[in-house]
Amino acid sequence: MEKLIITVALTGNVPTKKNNANLPVTPEEIALDVKACADAGASLFHVHARDSEEKPSLDQSIFKKIVRNIKKVAPDVIIQLSTGARAGKDWENRATPVRLLPEMASFTTGSNNLPGIVYENSPQFIEFLAGVFMATGVKPEIEIFETGMINNALHLKKKGFFDFPLHFDFVLGAPGSMPGTVKNLLFLSEGIPSDSTWTVAGIGRAEIPLATAAIVMGGHVRIGLEDNLYMPDESLASNVKLVEKIMTIAKEVGREVASPDEARSILGILPGNKNRILETIH
């Protein structure tokens, strides 16, 4: 079984410090949280930007500041920038994180209902963003909220937008999308090409149970305050505490945890892409 990649979704677009004071919001807070989580065993970090009022942002300058701060304290980790639509629907703005040349960026290949909004990713936008990924060589993490999004991703690969094994993130348990059950995780994991890798992001109470299932099944794990604000005992979580919980579970079942460079090898990230972002953030 491959070593386990632990991804931390640090901040997201929705939670605020009023919900959980441990949420990192500023570039400085995000970087310090990355360092602590990396020291605890995480190797990959899913990064959202917030403005001075804690609102979601696609502002290039904020992303650059976040990355600069992360690279100072945790230079070896894999940075995955978000292209999510809650921060704005303009196509070019949503492509900005990819054009900063991180090693990875998120890519949702379909639309779905989320609390209060339609998370809109039209066929035309999906093809546009796929073209940006192809042109930049950034590795997409394909975010799957329901099974049709897998078919959309495979269609893009057939059209030549992707020429390497795909990496999927199954987001389960979000209201309006597929429920966070092990049955649904098994169903999705069996519906992707055999050369693909996958991780699971369980929302809310589904986070730790689905992470445990993924560890046993040979998949990978995403945890973090973007997806879940509480520990299993209902105390307030922190990103570090969630990483430590996954490390304990992995140790109990005998699954070794991947270092950042081992994660790059598993995901098929090109070695030359590790520090390209340093050229774009200064």
Foldseek 3Di string as FASTA:
>chain_A
DAFAAEEEAQAAADDDCVNPVQRQAALLSLLVLVLLLLVLFHAEYEDFHADPVSHTALDLLRVLSSVVSNCVRPVLGAYEYELFPSRHDDLVSSLSVVVLQGQEYEAEQAWWDAVPDIRHQDLVSNLVSLQSCQVRVRAYAYEDQDQVSQVSVVVSVVVPSDDDAHEYEYEACGPGTHHLDVVVVVVNVVPHDPLHAYEYAYAEPSQVVVQLVCLVVVHYHYYYPNRYQADNVRHGDHSNNVSNVSVVSNVVVVRHHDHNVSVCVSRVRDPVSSCSSVVNSD
